[in-house]
PDB file of N, CA and C in Angstrom:
ATOM      1  N   MET A   1     -20.725 -20.754  29.592  1.00  0.00           N
ATOM      2  CA  MET A   1     -20.459 -20.376  28.508  1.00  0.00           C
ATOM      3  C   MET A   1     -21.694 -19.627  28.263  1.00  0.00           C
ATOM      4  N   ALA A   2     -21.659 -17.753  27.587  1.00  0.00           N
ATOM      5  CA  ALA A   2     -23.053 -17.574  26.984  1.00  0.00           C
ATOM      6  C   ALA A   2     -23.047 -18.101  25.946  1.00  0.00           C
ATOM      7  N   ARG A   3     -24.531 -17.953  25.486  1.00  0.00           N
ATOM      8  CA  ARG A   3     -24.988 -17.995  24.176  1.00  0.00           C
ATOM      9  C   ARG A   3     -25.085 -17.046  22.972  1.00  0.00           C
ATOM     10  N   LYS A   4     -24.274 -17.538  21.850  1.00  0.00           N
ATOM     11  CA  LYS A   4     -24.444 -16.301  21.087  1.00  0.00           C
ATOM     12  C   LYS A   4     -25.433 -15.621  20.632  1.00  0.00           C
ATOM     13  N   ARG A   5     -25.352 -14.853  20.004  1.00  0.00           N
ATOM     14  CA  ARG A   5     -26.875 -14.166  19.253  1.00  0.00           C
ATOM     15  C   ARG A   5     -27.297 -14.393  18.156  1.00  0.00           C
ATOM     16  N   PRO A   6     -28.394 -14.356  18.224  1.00  0.00           N
ATOM     17  CA  PRO A   6     -29.291 -14.874  16.351  1.00  0.00           C
ATOM     18  C   PRO A   6     -28.235 -13.964  15.135  1.00  0.00           C
ATOM     19  N   PRO A   7     -28.011 -14.820  14.585  1.00  0.00           N
ATOM     20  CA  PRO A   7     -27.621 -13.983  13.020  1.00  0.00           C
ATOM     21  C   PRO A   7     -29.082 -12.824  12.989  1.00  0.00           C
ATOM     22  N   LEU A   8     -28.045 -11.497  12.761  1.00  0.00           N
ATOM     23  CA  LEU A   8     -28.829 -10.677  12.676  1.00  0.00           C
ATOM     24  C   LEU A   8     -29.726 -10.276  10.894  1.00  0.00           C
ATOM     25  N   HIS A   9     -29.377 -11.572  10.391  1.00  0.00           N
ATOM     26  CA  HIS A   9     -30.492 -11.303   9.093  1.00  0.00           C
ATOM     27  C   HIS A   9     -31.628 -11.655   9.476  1.00  0.00           C
ATOM     28  N   LEU A  10     -31.406 -13.275  10.363  1.00  0.00           N
ATOM     29  CA  LEU A  10     -32.602 -13.966  10.977  1.00  0.00           C
ATOM     30  C   LEU A  10     -34.075 -12.780  11.332  1.00  0.00           C
ATOM     31  N   ILE A  11     -32.994 -12.222  12.588  1.00  0.00           N
ATOM     32  CA  ILE A  11     -33.910 -10.733  13.472  1.00  0.00           C
ATOM     33  C   ILE A  11     -34.036 -10.219  12.669  1.00  0.00           C
ATOM     34  N   ASN A  12     -33.759  -9.262  11.543  1.00  0.00           N
ATOM     35  CA  ASN A  12     -34.203  -8.613  10.258  1.00  0.00           C
ATOM     36  C   ASN A  12     -35.848  -8.651   9.722  1.00  0.00           C
ATOM     37  N   ILE A  13     -35.386 -10.672   9.052  1.00  0.00           N
ATOM     38  CA  ILE A  13     -36.619 -11.258   8.142  1.00  0.00           C
ATOM     39  C   ILE A  13     -37.813 -11.530   9.996  1.00  0.00           C
ATOM     40  N   PHE A  14     -37.774 -11.892  10.678  1.00  0.00           N
ATOM     41  CA  PHE A  14     -38.297 -12.005  11.861  1.00  0.00           C
ATOM     42  C   PHE A  14     -39.127 -10.826  12.114  1.00  0.00           C
ATOM     43  N   GLU A  15     -38.009  -9.932  12.210  1.00  0.00           N
ATOM     44  CA  GLU A  15     -38.939  -8.202  12.792  1.00  0.00           C
ATOM     45  C   GLU A  15     -40.058  -8.189  11.278  1.00  0.00           C
ATOM     46  N   ALA A  16     -39.480  -8.028  10.590  1.00  0.00           N
ATOM     47  CA  ALA A  16     -40.908  -7.952   8.912  1.00  0.00           C
ATOM     48  C   ALA A  16     -41.851  -8.943   9.244  1.00  0.00           C
ATOM     49  N   SER A  17     -41.663 -10.184   9.127  1.00  0.00           N
ATOM     50  CA  SER A  17     -42.806 -10.838   9.115  1.00  0.00           C
ATOM     51  C   SER A  17     -43.789 -10.561  10.565  1.00  0.00           C
ATOM     52  N   ALA A  18     -43.146 -10.403  12.107  1.00  0.00           N
ATOM     53  CA  ALA A  18     -43.895 -10.112  12.699  1.00  0.00           C
ATOM     54  C   ALA A  18     -44.285  -8.450  12.548  1.00  0.00           C
ATOM     55  N   ARG A  19     -44.224  -7.445  12.250  1.00  0.00           N
ATOM     56  CA  ARG A  19     -44.796  -6.246  11.678  1.00  0.00           C
ATOM     57  C   ARG A  19     -45.761  -6.391  10.600  1.00  0.00           C
ATOM     58  N   HIS A  20     -45.706  -7.266   9.456  1.00  0.00           N
ATOM     59  CA  HIS A  20     -46.554  -7.527   8.789  1.00  0.00           C
ATOM     60  C   HIS A  20     -47.791  -8.223   9.042  1.00  0.00           C
ATOM     61  N   GLN A  21     -47.624  -9.670   9.925  1.00  0.00           N
ATOM     62  CA  GLN A  21     -47.858 -10.522  10.149  1.00  0.00           C
ATOM     63  C   GLN A  21     -48.326 -11.660   9.209  1.00  0.00           C
ATOM     64  N   SER A  22     -47.362 -11.741   8.272  1.00  0.00           N
ATOM     65  CA  SER A  22     -47.461 -12.521   7.115  1.00  0.00           C
ATOM     66  C   SER A  22     -46.145 -12.411   6.143  1.00  0.00           C
ATOM     67  N   PHE A  23     -46.219 -13.564   6.207  1.00  0.00           N
ATOM     68  CA  PHE A  23     -45.023 -13.834   5.722  1.00  0.00           C
ATOM     69  C   PHE A  23     -44.913 -12.903   3.763  1.00  0.00           C
ATOM     70  N   LYS A  24     -46.003 -13.550   3.607  1.00  0.00           N
ATOM     71  CA  LYS A  24     -45.893 -12.533   2.465  1.00  0.00           C
ATOM     72  C   LYS A  24     -45.778 -11.299   1.724  1.00  0.00           C
ATOM     73  N   LEU A  25     -46.038 -10.628   2.979  1.00  0.00           N
ATOM     74  CA  LEU A  25     -45.547  -9.214   3.067  1.00  0.00           C
ATOM     75  C   LEU A  25     -44.568  -8.877   3.444  1.00  0.00           C
ATOM     76  N   ALA A  26     -44.188  -9.847   4.687  1.00  0.00           N
ATOM     77  CA  ALA A  26     -42.862  -9.303   4.186  1.00  0.00           C
ATOM     78  C   ALA A  26     -41.268 -10.022   3.706  1.00  0.00           C
ATOM     79  N   SER A  27     -42.302 -10.796   2.916  1.00  0.00           N
ATOM     80  CA  SER A  27     -40.939 -10.924   1.173  1.00  0.00           C
ATOM     81  C   SER A  27     -41.362 -10.206   0.529  1.00  0.00           C
ATOM     82  N   GLU A  28     -42.688  -9.463   0.160  1.00  0.00           N
ATOM     83  CA  GLU A  28     -42.487  -8.161  -0.932  1.00  0.00           C
ATOM     84  C   GLU A  28     -41.828  -7.300   0.040  1.00  0.00           C
ATOM     85  N   GLU A  29     -41.381  -7.248   0.903  1.00  0.00           N
ATOM     86  CA  GLU A  29     -40.625  -5.538   1.723  1.00  0.00           C
ATOM     87  C   GLU A  29     -39.012  -5.897   1.409  1.00  0.00           C
ATOM     88  N   LEU A  30     -38.757  -7.582   2.019  1.00  0.00           N
ATOM     89  CA  LEU A  30     -37.205  -8.001   1.649  1.00  0.00           C
ATOM     90  C   LEU A  30     -36.612  -8.380   0.469  1.00  0.00           C
ATOM     91  N   HIS A  31     -37.626  -8.571  -0.852  1.00  0.00           N
ATOM     92  CA  HIS A  31     -36.944  -8.960  -2.319  1.00  0.00           C
ATOM     93  C   HIS A  31     -36.692 -10.296  -1.808  1.00  0.00           C
ATOM     94  N   LEU A  32     -37.608 -11.393  -0.755  1.00  0.00           N
ATOM     95  CA  LEU A  32     -37.286 -12.623  -0.987  1.00  0.00           C
ATOM     96  C   LEU A  32     -38.201 -13.400  -1.440  1.00  0.00           C
ATOM     97  N   SER A  33     -38.574 -14.788  -1.746  1.00  0.00           N
ATOM     98  CA  SER A  33     -39.644 -15.066  -1.762  1.00  0.00           C
ATOM     99  C   SER A  33     -40.546 -15.551  -0.447  1.00  0.00           C
ATOM    100  N   PRO A  34     -42.028 -15.543   0.006  1.00  0.00           N
ATOM    101  CA  PRO A  34     -42.421 -16.536   0.941  1.00  0.00           C
ATOM    102  C   PRO A  34     -41.701 -17.796   1.609  1.00  0.00           C
ATOM    103  N   SER A  35     -41.609 -18.436   0.594  1.00  0.00           N
ATOM    104  CA  SER A  35     -41.390 -19.632   1.350  1.00  0.00           C
ATOM    105  C   SER A  35     -39.510 -19.374   2.062  1.00  0.00           C
ATOM    106  N   ALA A  36     -38.897 -18.548   1.092  1.00  0.00           N
ATOM    107  CA  ALA A  36     -37.699 -18.493   1.948  1.00  0.00           C
ATOM    108  C   ALA A  36     -37.567 -17.254   2.997  1.00  0.00           C
ATOM    109  N   ILE A  37     -39.041 -16.637   3.551  1.00  0.00           N
ATOM    110  CA  ILE A  37     -39.005 -16.317   4.943  1.00  0.00           C
ATOM    111  C   ILE A  37     -39.143 -17.122   5.515  1.00  0.00           C
ATOM    112  N   SER A  38     -40.337 -18.188   5.594  1.00  0.00           N
ATOM    113  CA  SER A  38     -40.794 -19.470   6.337  1.00  0.00           C
ATOM    114  C   SER A  38     -39.461 -20.026   6.557  1.00  0.00           C
ATOM    115  N   HIS A  39     -38.758 -20.553   5.162  1.00  0.00           N
ATOM    116  CA  HIS A  39     -37.344 -21.616   6.025  1.00  0.00           C
ATOM    117  C   HIS A  39     -36.587 -20.520   6.965  1.00  0.00           C
ATOM    118  N   GLN A  40     -36.377 -19.370   7.206  1.00  0.00           N
ATOM    119  CA  GLN A  40     -35.525 -18.139   7.310  1.00  0.00           C
ATOM    120  C   GLN A  40     -36.091 -18.095   8.648  1.00  0.00           C
ATOM    121  N   VAL A  41     -37.265 -17.672   9.193  1.00  0.00           N
ATOM    122  CA  VAL A  41     -37.945 -17.698  10.262  1.00  0.00           C
ATOM    123  C   VAL A  41     -37.722 -19.422  11.101  1.00  0.00           C
ATOM    124  N   LYS A  42     -37.842 -20.377   9.997  1.00  0.00           N
ATOM    125  CA  LYS A  42     -37.914 -21.895  11.165  1.00  0.00           C
ATOM    126  C   LYS A  42     -36.864 -21.982  11.599  1.00  0.00           C
ATOM    127  N   SER A  43     -35.654 -21.309  10.832  1.00  0.00           N
ATOM    128  CA  SER A  43     -34.634 -21.617  11.199  1.00  0.00           C
ATOM    129  C   SER A  43     -33.750 -20.691  12.572  1.00  0.00           C
ATOM    130  N   LEU A  44     -34.561 -19.438  12.766  1.00  0.00           N
ATOM    131  CA  LEU A  44     -34.068 -18.846  13.746  1.00  0.00           C
ATOM    132  C   LEU A  44     -34.906 -19.414  14.847  1.00  0.00           C
ATOM    133  N   GLU A  45     -36.572 -20.190  14.840  1.00  0.00           N
ATOM    134  CA  GLU A  45     -36.814 -20.897  15.837  1.00  0.00           C
ATOM    135  C   GLU A  45     -36.369 -21.871  16.744  1.00  0.00           C
ATOM    136  N   THR A  46     -35.361 -23.001  15.639  1.00  0.00           N
ATOM    137  CA  THR A  46     -34.666 -23.734  15.642  1.00  0.00           C
ATOM    138  C   THR A  46     -33.833 -23.163  16.634  1.00  0.00           C
ATOM    139  N   TYR A  47     -33.143 -22.358  15.990  1.00  0.00           N
ATOM    140  CA  TYR A  47     -32.016 -21.568  17.000  1.00  0.00           C
ATOM    141  C   TYR A  47     -32.175 -21.145  17.992  1.00  0.00           C
ATOM    142  N   LEU A  48     -33.243 -20.574  18.590  1.00  0.00           N
ATOM    143  CA  LEU A  48     -33.596 -19.851  19.811  1.00  0.00           C
ATOM    144  C   LEU A  48     -34.159 -21.194  20.546  1.00  0.00           C
ATOM    145  N   GLY A  49     -34.769 -22.755  19.841  1.00  0.00           N
ATOM    146  CA  GLY A  49     -35.268 -23.157  20.505  1.00  0.00           C
ATOM    147  C   GLY A  49     -37.055 -23.499  21.067  1.00  0.00           C
ATOM    148  N   PHE A  50     -37.677 -22.058  20.568  1.00  0.00           N
ATOM    149  CA  PHE A  50     -38.822 -22.228  20.518  1.00  0.00           C
ATOM    150  C   PHE A  50     -39.356 -21.358  19.681  1.00  0.00           C
ATOM    151  N   SER A  51     -40.778 -22.142  19.429  1.00  0.00           N
ATOM    152  CA  SER A  51     -41.377 -21.101  18.038  1.00  0.00           C
ATOM    153  C   SER A  51     -41.914 -19.820  18.031  1.00  0.00           C
ATOM    154  N   LEU A  52     -41.695 -19.146  17.880  1.00  0.00           N
ATOM    155  CA  LEU A  52     -42.253 -17.236  17.268  1.00  0.00           C
ATOM    156  C   LEU A  52     -43.900 -16.999  16.890  1.00  0.00           C
ATOM    157  N   PHE A  53     -44.327 -17.848  16.145  1.00  0.00           N
ATOM    158  CA  PHE A  53     -45.494 -17.579  15.336  1.00  0.00           C
ATOM    159  C   PHE A  53     -46.596 -18.720  15.233  1.00  0.00           C
ATOM    160  N   THR A  54     -47.965 -18.283  15.245  1.00  0.00           N
ATOM    161  CA  THR A  54     -48.803 -19.753  15.462  1.00  0.00           C
ATOM    162  C   THR A  54     -49.400 -19.663  14.086  1.00  0.00           C
ATOM    163  N   ARG A  55     -48.879 -20.553  13.216  1.00  0.00           N
ATOM    164  CA  ARG A  55     -49.520 -21.361  11.730  1.00  0.00           C
ATOM    165  C   ARG A  55     -50.659 -21.641  12.159  1.00  0.00           C
ATOM    166  N   LYS A  56     -51.515 -20.724  11.396  1.00  0.00           N
ATOM    167  CA  LYS A  56     -53.041 -21.973  10.620  1.00  0.00           C
ATOM    168  C   LYS A  56     -52.776 -21.499   9.399  1.00  0.00           C
ATOM    169  N   SER A  57     -52.875 -22.229   8.250  1.00  0.00           N
ATOM    170  CA  SER A  57     -53.112 -22.414   6.918  1.00  0.00           C
ATOM    171  C   SER A  57     -52.234 -21.408   6.207  1.00  0.00           C
ATOM    172  N   ARG A  58     -52.816 -20.311   6.234  1.00  0.00           N
ATOM    173  CA  ARG A  58     -51.818 -18.817   5.268  1.00  0.00           C
ATOM    174  C   ARG A  58     -51.976 -17.697   6.107  1.00  0.00           C
ATOM    175  N   LYS A  59     -51.855 -18.241   7.274  1.00  0.00           N
ATOM    176  CA  LYS A  59     -52.286 -17.103   8.302  1.00  0.00           C
ATOM    177  C   LYS A  59     -51.399 -17.238   9.445  1.00  0.00           C
ATOM    178  N   VAL A  60     -50.591 -15.916   9.840  1.00  0.00           N
ATOM    179  CA  VAL A  60     -49.203 -16.486  10.587  1.00  0.00           C
ATOM    180  C   VAL A  60     -49.667 -15.145  11.984  1.00  0.00           C
ATOM    181  N   THR A  61     -49.660 -15.560  13.751  1.00  0.00           N
ATOM    182  CA  THR A  61     -49.767 -14.385  14.113  1.00  0.00           C
ATOM    183  C   THR A  61     -48.661 -14.942  15.298  1.00  0.00           C
ATOM    184  N   LEU A  62     -48.104 -13.757  16.068  1.00  0.00           N
ATOM    185  CA  LEU A  62     -47.101 -13.832  16.766  1.00  0.00           C
ATOM    186  C   LEU A  62     -47.370 -14.956  18.198  1.00  0.00           C
ATOM    187  N   ASN A  63     -47.425 -15.542  18.419  1.00  0.00           N
ATOM    188  CA  ASN A  63     -46.878 -16.629  20.003  1.00  0.00           C
ATOM    189  C   ASN A  63     -46.679 -15.458  21.153  1.00  0.00           C
ATOM    190  N   PRO A  64     -46.899 -15.680  22.063  1.00  0.00           N
ATOM    191  CA  PRO A  64     -46.052 -14.542  23.208  1.00  0.00           C
ATOM    192  C   PRO A  64     -44.417 -15.286  23.100  1.00  0.00           C
ATOM    193  N   ALA A  65     -44.549 -15.887  23.194  1.00  0.00           N
ATOM    194  CA  ALA A  65     -42.459 -15.841  22.931  1.00  0.00           C
ATOM    195  C   ALA A  65     -42.491 -14.949  22.254  1.00  0.00           C
ATOM    196  N   GLY A  66     -43.353 -14.841  21.078  1.00  0.00           N
ATOM    197  CA  GLY A  66     -42.983 -14.141  19.547  1.00  0.00           C
ATOM    198  C   GLY A  66     -43.071 -12.822  20.075  1.00  0.00           C
ATOM    199  N   LYS A  67     -43.617 -12.180  20.836  1.00  0.00           N
ATOM    200  CA  LYS A  67     -44.231 -11.160  21.199  1.00  0.00           C
ATOM    201  C   LYS A  67     -43.021 -10.705  22.757  1.00  0.00           C
ATOM    202  N   MET A  68     -42.400 -11.421  22.876  1.00  0.00           N
ATOM    203  CA  MET A  68     -41.424 -10.970  23.877  1.00  0.00           C
ATOM    204  C   MET A  68     -40.133 -10.622  22.750  1.00  0.00           C
ATOM    205  N   PHE A  69     -39.856 -11.666  22.035  1.00  0.00           N
ATOM    206  CA  PHE A  69     -38.688 -11.858  21.086  1.00  0.00           C
ATOM    207  C   PHE A  69     -39.319 -10.187  20.290  1.00  0.00           C
ATOM    208  N   LEU A  70     -40.001 -10.390  19.840  1.00  0.00           N
ATOM    209  CA  LEU A  70     -40.185  -8.837  19.099  1.00  0.00           C
ATOM    210  C   LEU A  70     -39.474  -7.564  19.909  1.00  0.00           C
ATOM    211  N   SER A  71     -39.956  -7.406  20.835  1.00  0.00           N
ATOM    212  CA  SER A  71     -39.502  -6.509  21.897  1.00  0.00           C
ATOM    213  C   SER A  71     -38.109  -6.217  21.934  1.00  0.00           C
ATOM    214  N   TYR A  72     -37.002  -7.564  22.271  1.00  0.00           N
ATOM    215  CA  TYR A  72     -36.010  -7.837  22.303  1.00  0.00           C
ATOM    216  C   TYR A  72     -35.550  -7.402  20.908  1.00  0.00           C
ATOM    217  N   ALA A  73     -36.508  -7.728  19.486  1.00  0.00           N
ATOM    218  CA  ALA A  73     -35.641  -7.522  18.379  1.00  0.00           C
ATOM    219  C   ALA A  73     -35.487  -5.980  18.094  1.00  0.00           C
ATOM    220  N   ASN A  74     -36.364  -5.400  18.829  1.00  0.00           N
ATOM    221  CA  ASN A  74     -37.228  -4.223  18.399  1.00  0.00           C
ATOM    222  C   ASN A  74     -35.914  -2.690  19.505  1.00  0.00           C
ATOM    223  N   SER A  75     -35.383  -3.423  20.606  1.00  0.00           N
ATOM    224  CA  SER A  75     -34.243  -2.498  21.456  1.00  0.00           C
ATOM    225  C   SER A  75     -33.158  -2.491  20.796  1.00  0.00           C
TER     226      SER A  75
END
């Protein structure tokens, strides 16, 4: 059985976070709290079964899987 695609709103949140490399800047763009962005990205990662970002204190960067998923999200 084919796996369902992730919910579109999670992809939109991921894309903004990846583009800005910041949950705070993504939250300002999407009018959500940084905490909400972080939780939604974590929800997407749980759905996919792998992490998309490397998190270090207040900084996030895309990991290799995140870069690959970003190309999928932008297509």
